[in-house]
Amino acid sequence: MSVVTQPGSIGGGQGQEAHEDNYLTAGKGLWSWLSTVDHKRIGLMYMGFVLFSFFLGGVFAIVVRTELLSNEWTLLADETASNDFYNHSFTLHGAVMTFLFIIPAIPAILGNFALPIMLGAKDVAFPKLNLTSWYLYMIGMVFFVWILLSGVIGTVLYAYGINPPDWLPVGLDTGWTFYTPYSTETGTQVVAATLGVFILGFSSILTGLNFIATVHTMRPKWMTWFHMPLFIWALYATALIQILATPVLAITLLLLAAERMLGIGIFDPALGGDPVLYQHFFWFYSHPAVYIMILPALGVVSELIGAFSRKHVFGYKFIAFSSVAIAVFGFIVWGHHMFTSGQSSMLNAIFSLLTMSVAIPSAIKVFNWLATMWRGQIRLDTPMLYAIGFIWLFAIGGLTGLFLATLSTDIFFHDTYFVVAHFHYVMVGSTLFAFIGGMYYWWPKMFGVMYNETTGRIGAIVTFIGFNATFFIQFLAGTKGMPRRYAHYLDEYAFYHAFSTYGSYLLSIGLFIVLYNWLHSFWAGRKASANPWGANTLEWYTTSPPPHHNFEGEAPIAGEPYDHVNWKYDEQQEGYVLREDPKVYAEKVAAAGGHH
């Protein structure tokens, strides 16, 4: 292994050495990647295909918004084909974004890359199982996307007078929720699509199982539960939901497939079934799944706020326990999706109260982030801009959720664009901003290069303005009664849809700036120091990028994850270095009763 001695130190002031060999260069050739059990490489492999899914889902978001730009047939001239095209397009957008991007993005990419290093471990507890999860994701993704995309292709061919070939699947037009009774009646390929989701669910379960085992068994002795970074707490809570809730979705989809193939009456009233039963099953998984999407994002933001405020995270234990509380509450609020389904008034009232209770742990996090920033040495670098943008989006999404948790207002807003806007603020905007912020934060550690800060800030601002322009106006359209999932609308809603569509174009420009900045860093980015941010979690104690086994020898003792006092900025390295040996510093802190 070749070694290069850097001037000064790496991450600390102890005269450590940087190694040219790292996890990116540890093996060469395609097979070294396809057969790797290195959690960091698996994280990067997830990154490639999750980002492809995000691109695909984003393209069809623009397709849907462009169709809604006016009340005329915008994309296809034929009325029947245009309606089918719209149904297939918004189904593809919703299903791909939910199952292939939002759910796996942060746990699979950032979690896989950072979790073992933050714990001082060489890998996850079950490396081969981790690779199996990736292969399951790939199989599910290819199958699922083929089914969804084929429906769009078929409608376009039909619009131009070409009969689609027999081998081309007819796609899916049910939306990502597969709601019965439509999903039991439609002629599209519900069973095949549910099989794709079924496979993806196994990938999610195995990843969650691996993370829980890693947290329990791979931590160093000095890292107690309350010495763990908050991102780890968030991933741990997420993994609990993945293991407990995902099998319910799998069973539900199996029942749906059994009804379609065998004619067993489960959800179809014509066969003696109950369509509301499907909604109970579906949302028992899918509401906790909402927290599979958002909990990792909350963990990322805790890391960003602490690092770029250069302060201890205020109320560490409250934030940690609030992650677990949100996971628990997520299992008992599914009934608020069925306020209008005819369930009893008593049940509605109970679910309404339970739903509002989720606001408590969510508000604890927001309060503690703001308290952390208060009188902190705030640095408005790109990751921090995304963290602040996240707080805005999460607050708007959370507060508007109270309207949907309240029985009287939910009756009015149900199935309107108000719900669409609320969902996108909480699930899409919040998760997306935390994901991009996290990517910028760990980018130097992943690839050993820095991105352009000015371009990063411009991209953050354009993305923030574009997102709010796209979706805030939808709250107003919803209050006016604009129903969701409609390809055409009354003239009185034309302004809202046009405004939202132009906002989506601006949002796309912002996201392409982000992509350009990441790619540009590969050929023009300066070499990253081991710790460009002065953060104190363990991943910043190793080189950028890390060696194959994460650390040379045993991981150092880092102490409190948000104690930044032992780091000072070094102009020569353009990064932070340790003032003194971390073990000595930790002993001094312990001798002083935990104070420095």
Foldseek 3Di string as FASTA:
>chain_A
DDWDFDPQDFQARPRDTDHPFAQVNPDDDPVCLLPPLQLQSQLVVLVVQLVVLVVLLLVLVLVLLQLLLFQARRPFNDPVLSLQLNLLSQQSNQQSCQLRHLLCQCCSRVVSNPVCLLQQFLHWPDSVLLSVLSVLSVVLVVQLNQQSVLLNVQSVCVSVVHHDDPVRFNHDRCHNLCAPPVVLPDPHDLLSNLVSSLSSLVSLLSSLVRLLRRVVPVHDPVCDPQQGQLLSLLSNLLSVLSNPQSVLSNVLSVVSNCCNPVVQADPDVVNVHNSVVSLVSSLLNVLLSLSSRFSSLLRLLQQVLLLQLLFDQAPSVLLSVLSNVLSVLSNPQSCLLCLPVPPDPVVLVVSLVSQVVNVVSVVVSLVRSVVSNVPGNGDPWLLVLLSVLLSVLQVVLSVLVNLSSDSVSVVLLPQALLVVLSCCSSRPSNSVSSSLSSCQQCVCQSAQFHFDRVLSVVLSVLLSQLSCQQRVLSNVRSVVPHGPPDSRDDPVCSVSSSSNSVSSVSNVVSVVSSVCRSVVRVPPTHGAGLALRLWQRSSSVAGRHHHSSSHDPGGFDRGRRSNSVQWDADPVNNHIYGNDRNVVVNVVCVVVVNHD
